[in-house]
Amino acid sequence: MKNRIEEIRRTRGIRQEEFARAMGVSRQTISSLETGRYNPSIFLAYKIARFFDLTIEEVFLFEESGDGT
């Protein structure tokens, strides 16, 4: 799943360390989210969207794979 976390975070002038602290996760987790190596739980996705005052759909870009998944 692709996301706009890095784009939004940088636009707002927030460092990974600050964002990680606000989300209650490690900086490495934020890095993994931003590079697409890690998909967040629904709780964390909601928390991220609320932090940015956006909807989950505005932060996380759902793409159908074509095979029903």
C-alpha atoms as a PDB file:
ATOM      1  CA  MET A   1       0.000   0.000   0.000  1.00  0.00           C
ATOM      2  CA  LYS A   2       1.384   3.371  -0.966  1.00  0.00           C
ATOM      3  CA  ASN A   3       1.103   6.411   1.245  1.00  0.00           C
ATOM      4  CA  ARG A   4       1.823  10.132   1.359  1.00  0.00           C
ATOM      5  CA  ILE A   5       3.267  10.218   4.878  1.00  0.00           C
ATOM      6  CA  GLU A   6       6.711  11.521   3.922  1.00  0.00           C
ATOM      7  CA  GLU A   7       5.285  14.141   1.554  1.00  0.00           C
ATOM      8  CA  ILE A   8       2.813  15.428   4.149  1.00  0.00           C
ATOM      9  CA  ARG A   9       5.323  15.291   7.009  1.00  0.00           C
ATOM     10  CA  ARG A  10       7.991  17.211   5.065  1.00  0.00           C
ATOM     11  CA  THR A  11       5.498  19.802   3.801  1.00  0.00           C
ATOM     12  CA  ARG A  12       4.552  20.509   7.403  1.00  0.00           C
ATOM     13  CA  GLY A  13       8.170  20.689   8.558  1.00  0.00           C
ATOM     14  CA  ILE A  14       7.984  17.712  10.914  1.00  0.00           C
ATOM     15  CA  ARG A  15      11.067  15.544  11.463  1.00  0.00           C
ATOM     16  CA  GLN A  16      10.765  11.743  11.518  1.00  0.00           C
ATOM     17  CA  GLU A  17      11.835  11.709  15.178  1.00  0.00           C
ATOM     18  CA  GLU A  18       9.119  14.187  16.167  1.00  0.00           C
ATOM     19  CA  PHE A  19       6.461  12.334  14.206  1.00  0.00           C
ATOM     20  CA  ALA A  20       7.523   8.976  15.633  1.00  0.00           C
ATOM     21  CA  ARG A  21       7.302  10.342  19.170  1.00  0.00           C
ATOM     22  CA  ALA A  22       3.817  11.747  18.503  1.00  0.00           C
ATOM     23  CA  MET A  23       2.683   8.381  17.089  1.00  0.00           C
ATOM     24  CA  GLY A  24       4.266   6.342  19.886  1.00  0.00           C
ATOM     25  CA  VAL A  25       6.479   4.346  17.511  1.00  0.00           C
ATOM     26  CA  SER A  26      10.170   4.277  16.614  1.00  0.00           C
ATOM     27  CA  ARG A  27      11.782   6.445  13.961  1.00  0.00           C
ATOM     28  CA  GLN A  28      12.586   3.207  12.136  1.00  0.00           C
ATOM     29  CA  THR A  29       8.867   2.409  11.974  1.00  0.00           C
ATOM     30  CA  ILE A  30       8.179   5.801  10.380  1.00  0.00           C
ATOM     31  CA  SER A  31      10.991   5.201   7.892  1.00  0.00           C
ATOM     32  CA  SER A  32       9.564   1.769   7.026  1.00  0.00           C
ATOM     33  CA  LEU A  33       6.083   3.238   6.593  1.00  0.00           C
ATOM     34  CA  GLU A  34       7.382   5.970   4.297  1.00  0.00           C
ATOM     35  CA  THR A  35       9.296   3.534   2.084  1.00  0.00           C
ATOM     36  CA  GLY A  36       6.373   1.103   1.881  1.00  0.00           C
ATOM     37  CA  ARG A  37       8.157  -1.741   3.686  1.00  0.00           C
ATOM     38  CA  TYR A  38       5.569  -1.749   6.464  1.00  0.00           C
ATOM     39  CA  ASN A  39       1.785  -1.417   6.438  1.00  0.00           C
ATOM     40  CA  PRO A  40       0.341   0.051   9.627  1.00  0.00           C
ATOM     41  CA  SER A  41      -2.428  -1.394  11.724  1.00  0.00           C
ATOM     42  CA  ILE A  42      -5.797   0.256  11.188  1.00  0.00           C
ATOM     43  CA  PHE A  43      -5.337   1.942  14.572  1.00  0.00           C
ATOM     44  CA  LEU A  44      -1.987   3.467  13.575  1.00  0.00           C
ATOM     45  CA  ALA A  45      -3.322   4.481  10.135  1.00  0.00           C
ATOM     46  CA  TYR A  46      -6.224   6.269  11.840  1.00  0.00           C
ATOM     47  CA  LYS A  47      -3.881   7.922  14.336  1.00  0.00           C
ATOM     48  CA  ILE A  48      -1.618   9.154  11.506  1.00  0.00           C
ATOM     49  CA  ALA A  49      -4.553  10.548   9.532  1.00  0.00           C
ATOM     50  CA  ARG A  50      -5.953  12.319  12.600  1.00  0.00           C
ATOM     51  CA  PHE A  51      -2.526  13.788  13.400  1.00  0.00           C
ATOM     52  CA  PHE A  52      -2.446  15.392   9.950  1.00  0.00           C
ATOM     53  CA  ASP A  53      -6.167  16.305  10.143  1.00  0.00           C
ATOM     54  CA  LEU A  54      -6.831  14.235   7.012  1.00  0.00           C
ATOM     55  CA  THR A  55      -8.839  11.132   6.181  1.00  0.00           C
ATOM     56  CA  ILE A  56      -7.169   7.728   5.940  1.00  0.00           C
ATOM     57  CA  GLU A  57      -7.866   7.785   2.188  1.00  0.00           C
ATOM     58  CA  GLU A  58      -5.994  11.094   1.843  1.00  0.00           C
ATOM     59  CA  VAL A  59      -2.878   9.601   3.459  1.00  0.00           C
ATOM     60  CA  PHE A  60      -2.982   5.975   2.298  1.00  0.00           C
ATOM     61  CA  LEU A  61      -3.462   5.173  -1.368  1.00  0.00           C
ATOM     62  CA  PHE A  62      -5.332   1.927  -1.913  1.00  0.00           C
ATOM     63  CA  GLU A  63      -4.599   0.206  -5.199  1.00  0.00           C
ATOM     64  CA  GLU A  64      -6.439  -2.919  -6.242  1.00  0.00           C
ATOM     65  CA  SER A  65      -4.111  -5.642  -7.428  1.00  0.00           C
ATOM     66  CA  GLY A  66      -6.537  -7.010 -10.000  1.00  0.00           C
ATOM     67  CA  ASP A  67      -6.673 -10.438  -8.360  1.00  0.00           C
ATOM     68  CA  GLY A  68      -9.349  -9.505  -5.818  1.00  0.00           C
ATOM     69  CA  THR A  69      -6.964  -8.663  -3.005  1.00  0.00           C
END
